[in-house]
Amino acid sequence: MSLPESSSELERINSQVVSFTTYREVTESGDCLLVVQGFLPSWQFPRYFGPAGIGFMVAEGLVLNQVGTLTLAPDDLLWEFR
């Protein structure tokens, strides 16, 4: 697969700067996990406190199996990205 293991971009949405990071990992079963993670720094009712800062972190993903079928990534695979 030609996707990089990870890449990040900053986007301005209204007056906020949001970071988007994409990840590609191979699971133990040999499937490919594709994740898009978004982070919005904010001190107003934050739900994330970690290395990225304080604010809101969301992540969603897809699993591409070896046959080429796409499925939504289960929460247990996305836990480390949220």
N, C-alpha and C. Protein backbone atom coordinates (compact mmCIF):
# COMPACT_ATOMS: atom_id res chain seq x y z
N MET A 1 0.85 -1.17 0.00
CA MET A 1 0.00 0.00 0.00
C MET A 1 0.90 1.24 0.00
N SER A 2 0.55 2.26 -0.74
CA SER A 2 1.41 3.42 -0.90
C SER A 2 1.14 4.54 0.11
N LEU A 3 0.23 4.35 1.05
CA LEU A 3 -0.02 5.36 2.08
C LEU A 3 1.14 5.40 3.07
N PRO A 4 1.54 6.59 3.54
CA PRO A 4 2.59 6.65 4.56
C PRO A 4 2.08 6.08 5.88
N GLU A 5 3.01 5.70 6.77
CA GLU A 5 2.60 5.19 8.07
C GLU A 5 1.83 6.23 8.87
N SER A 6 2.20 7.50 8.72
CA SER A 6 1.43 8.58 9.35
C SER A 6 1.71 9.88 8.62
N SER A 7 0.74 10.77 8.67
CA SER A 7 0.91 12.11 8.11
C SER A 7 -0.03 13.04 8.87
N SER A 8 0.37 14.31 8.99
CA SER A 8 -0.41 15.28 9.75
C SER A 8 -0.59 16.56 8.95
N GLU A 9 -1.73 17.20 9.19
CA GLU A 9 -2.04 18.49 8.56
C GLU A 9 -2.81 19.34 9.56
N LEU A 10 -2.61 20.65 9.46
CA LEU A 10 -3.39 21.60 10.24
C LEU A 10 -4.39 22.26 9.31
N GLU A 11 -5.62 22.37 9.76
CA GLU A 11 -6.67 23.01 8.97
C GLU A 11 -7.34 24.08 9.83
N ARG A 12 -7.68 25.18 9.22
CA ARG A 12 -8.41 26.24 9.92
C ARG A 12 -9.89 26.07 9.62
N ILE A 13 -10.68 25.94 10.67
CA ILE A 13 -12.13 25.84 10.55
C ILE A 13 -12.71 26.98 11.37
N ASN A 14 -13.30 27.94 10.67
CA ASN A 14 -13.72 29.21 11.30
C ASN A 14 -12.49 29.83 11.96
N SER A 15 -12.52 30.06 13.25
CA SER A 15 -11.37 30.67 13.92
C SER A 15 -10.51 29.65 14.66
N GLN A 16 -10.81 28.36 14.50
CA GLN A 16 -10.09 27.31 15.21
C GLN A 16 -9.09 26.62 14.28
N VAL A 17 -7.97 26.17 14.86
CA VAL A 17 -7.00 25.37 14.12
C VAL A 17 -7.13 23.94 14.62
N VAL A 18 -7.42 23.03 13.71
CA VAL A 18 -7.63 21.62 14.03
C VAL A 18 -6.53 20.81 13.37
N SER A 19 -5.96 19.86 14.10
CA SER A 19 -4.95 18.99 13.48
C SER A 19 -5.61 17.66 13.11
N PHE A 20 -5.29 17.20 11.91
CA PHE A 20 -5.76 15.90 11.43
C PHE A 20 -4.54 15.04 11.17
N THR A 21 -4.55 13.84 11.70
CA THR A 21 -3.46 12.90 11.48
C THR A 21 -4.04 11.60 10.96
N THR A 22 -3.43 11.05 9.93
CA THR A 22 -3.83 9.75 9.41
C THR A 22 -2.76 8.73 9.75
N TYR A 23 -3.19 7.53 10.08
CA TYR A 23 -2.29 6.44 10.43
C TYR A 23 -2.61 5.22 9.59
N ARG A 24 -1.58 4.46 9.26
CA ARG A 24 -1.73 3.16 8.60
C ARG A 24 -0.92 2.15 9.39
N GLU A 25 -1.59 1.10 9.85
CA GLU A 25 -0.92 0.04 10.61
C GLU A 25 -1.37 -1.31 10.08
N VAL A 26 -0.49 -2.28 10.19
CA VAL A 26 -0.85 -3.65 9.86
C VAL A 26 -1.19 -4.36 11.17
N THR A 27 -2.36 -4.97 11.21
CA THR A 27 -2.80 -5.67 12.42
C THR A 27 -2.13 -7.03 12.53
N GLU A 28 -2.32 -7.69 13.66
CA GLU A 28 -1.75 -9.02 13.88
C GLU A 28 -2.24 -10.03 12.84
N SER A 29 -3.45 -9.83 12.35
CA SER A 29 -4.02 -10.75 11.37
C SER A 29 -3.56 -10.44 9.94
N GLY A 30 -2.79 -9.36 9.78
CA GLY A 30 -2.31 -8.99 8.45
C GLY A 30 -3.19 -8.00 7.72
N ASP A 31 -4.31 -7.60 8.35
CA ASP A 31 -5.19 -6.59 7.75
C ASP A 31 -4.56 -5.21 7.91
N CYS A 32 -5.06 -4.26 7.15
CA CYS A 32 -4.55 -2.89 7.21
C CYS A 32 -5.56 -2.00 7.93
N LEU A 33 -5.11 -1.36 9.00
CA LEU A 33 -5.95 -0.43 9.76
C LEU A 33 -5.64 0.98 9.29
N LEU A 34 -6.66 1.71 8.85
CA LEU A 34 -6.53 3.10 8.42
C LEU A 34 -7.32 3.96 9.39
N VAL A 35 -6.65 4.95 10.00
CA VAL A 35 -7.28 5.78 11.03
C VAL A 35 -7.12 7.25 10.68
N VAL A 36 -8.19 8.03 10.87
CA VAL A 36 -8.13 9.48 10.80
C VAL A 36 -8.44 9.99 12.20
N GLN A 37 -7.51 10.79 12.73
CA GLN A 37 -7.63 11.33 14.08
C GLN A 37 -7.70 12.85 14.00
N GLY A 38 -8.62 13.43 14.72
CA GLY A 38 -8.74 14.88 14.76
C GLY A 38 -8.55 15.40 16.17
N PHE A 39 -7.84 16.52 16.31
CA PHE A 39 -7.63 17.11 17.63
C PHE A 39 -7.90 18.61 17.56
N LEU A 40 -8.75 19.08 18.46
CA LEU A 40 -9.08 20.50 18.59
C LEU A 40 -8.64 20.96 19.98
N PRO A 41 -7.60 21.80 20.06
CA PRO A 41 -7.20 22.31 21.37
C PRO A 41 -8.29 23.23 21.95
N SER A 42 -8.61 23.04 23.21
CA SER A 42 -9.64 23.86 23.84
C SER A 42 -9.59 23.68 25.35
N TRP A 43 -9.77 24.76 26.06
CA TRP A 43 -9.89 24.70 27.51
C TRP A 43 -11.35 24.68 27.94
N GLN A 44 -12.27 24.83 27.01
CA GLN A 44 -13.69 24.87 27.33
C GLN A 44 -14.26 23.45 27.33
N PHE A 45 -14.49 22.89 28.50
CA PHE A 45 -15.03 21.54 28.69
C PHE A 45 -14.20 20.48 27.93
N PRO A 46 -12.88 20.45 28.12
CA PRO A 46 -12.06 19.47 27.39
C PRO A 46 -12.37 18.04 27.84
N ARG A 47 -12.19 17.11 26.92
CA ARG A 47 -12.37 15.68 27.22
C ARG A 47 -11.09 14.90 27.01
N TYR A 48 -10.04 15.57 26.51
CA TYR A 48 -8.76 14.90 26.27
C TYR A 48 -7.66 15.67 26.99
N PHE A 49 -6.85 14.96 27.76
CA PHE A 49 -5.68 15.52 28.42
C PHE A 49 -4.53 14.57 28.11
N GLY A 50 -3.60 14.96 27.26
CA GLY A 50 -2.53 14.06 26.89
C GLY A 50 -1.41 14.76 26.16
N PRO A 51 -0.55 13.97 25.52
CA PRO A 51 0.63 14.50 24.84
C PRO A 51 0.30 15.52 23.74
N ALA A 52 -0.86 15.41 23.12
CA ALA A 52 -1.25 16.35 22.06
C ALA A 52 -1.68 17.69 22.63
N GLY A 53 -2.04 17.71 23.92
CA GLY A 53 -2.51 18.93 24.56
C GLY A 53 -3.80 18.68 25.31
N ILE A 54 -4.55 19.74 25.49
CA ILE A 54 -5.84 19.67 26.19
C ILE A 54 -6.91 20.11 25.21
N GLY A 55 -7.95 19.31 25.09
CA GLY A 55 -9.02 19.65 24.16
C GLY A 55 -9.90 18.46 23.84
N PHE A 56 -10.17 18.29 22.55
CA PHE A 56 -11.07 17.22 22.07
C PHE A 56 -10.33 16.37 21.05
N MET A 57 -10.34 15.06 21.26
CA MET A 57 -9.70 14.11 20.35
C MET A 57 -10.76 13.14 19.85
N VAL A 58 -10.82 12.95 18.55
CA VAL A 58 -11.71 11.96 17.96
C VAL A 58 -10.91 11.14 16.95
N ALA A 59 -11.33 9.91 16.75
CA ALA A 59 -10.67 9.05 15.77
C ALA A 59 -11.68 8.04 15.23
N GLU A 60 -11.62 7.83 13.95
CA GLU A 60 -12.44 6.82 13.29
C GLU A 60 -11.54 6.07 12.32
N GLY A 61 -11.92 4.85 12.00
CA GLY A 61 -11.05 4.08 11.13
C GLY A 61 -11.77 3.02 10.32
N LEU A 62 -11.01 2.47 9.41
CA LEU A 62 -11.46 1.38 8.54
C LEU A 62 -10.43 0.27 8.58
N VAL A 63 -10.90 -0.95 8.36
CA VAL A 63 -10.00 -2.09 8.25
C VAL A 63 -10.14 -2.64 6.83
N LEU A 64 -9.02 -2.73 6.16
CA LEU A 64 -8.95 -3.31 4.81
C LEU A 64 -8.34 -4.69 4.94
N ASN A 65 -9.15 -5.73 4.67
CA ASN A 65 -8.60 -7.08 4.83
C ASN A 65 -7.83 -7.48 3.57
N GLN A 66 -7.21 -8.64 3.63
CA GLN A 66 -6.33 -9.09 2.55
C GLN A 66 -7.09 -9.41 1.27
N VAL A 67 -8.41 -9.60 1.35
CA VAL A 67 -9.24 -9.85 0.18
C VAL A 67 -9.65 -8.54 -0.49
N GLY A 68 -9.55 -7.41 0.27
CA GLY A 68 -9.91 -6.11 -0.28
C GLY A 68 -11.22 -5.57 0.24
N THR A 69 -11.79 -6.20 1.26
CA THR A 69 -13.05 -5.77 1.83
C THR A 69 -12.81 -4.73 2.93
N LEU A 70 -13.58 -3.65 2.91
CA LEU A 70 -13.50 -2.60 3.93
C LEU A 70 -14.59 -2.79 4.98
N THR A 71 -14.21 -2.65 6.25
CA THR A 71 -15.18 -2.65 7.35
C THR A 71 -14.81 -1.54 8.31
N LEU A 72 -15.78 -1.10 9.10
CA LEU A 72 -15.49 -0.11 10.13
C LEU A 72 -14.58 -0.73 11.19
N ALA A 73 -13.61 0.04 11.66
CA ALA A 73 -12.68 -0.47 12.67
C ALA A 73 -13.40 -0.57 14.02
N PRO A 74 -13.22 -1.69 14.72
CA PRO A 74 -13.85 -1.83 16.04
C PRO A 74 -13.13 -0.94 17.06
N ASP A 75 -13.84 -0.63 18.15
CA ASP A 75 -13.30 0.26 19.17
C ASP A 75 -11.99 -0.24 19.77
N ASP A 76 -11.82 -1.54 19.91
CA ASP A 76 -10.59 -2.03 20.51
C ASP A 76 -9.36 -1.70 19.67
N LEU A 77 -9.50 -1.57 18.36
CA LEU A 77 -8.38 -1.17 17.51
C LEU A 77 -8.16 0.35 17.53
N LEU A 78 -9.20 1.10 17.84
CA LEU A 78 -9.10 2.56 17.82
C LEU A 78 -8.74 3.16 19.18
N TRP A 79 -8.75 2.35 20.22
CA TRP A 79 -8.55 2.86 21.57
C TRP A 79 -7.30 3.71 21.72
N GLU A 80 -6.17 3.28 21.17
CA GLU A 80 -4.93 4.03 21.33
C GLU A 80 -4.92 5.36 20.58
N PHE A 81 -5.86 5.56 19.66
CA PHE A 81 -5.92 6.79 18.86
C PHE A 81 -6.91 7.80 19.43
N ARG A 82 -7.67 7.40 20.44
CA ARG A 82 -8.71 8.29 20.99
C ARG A 82 -8.29 8.90 22.29
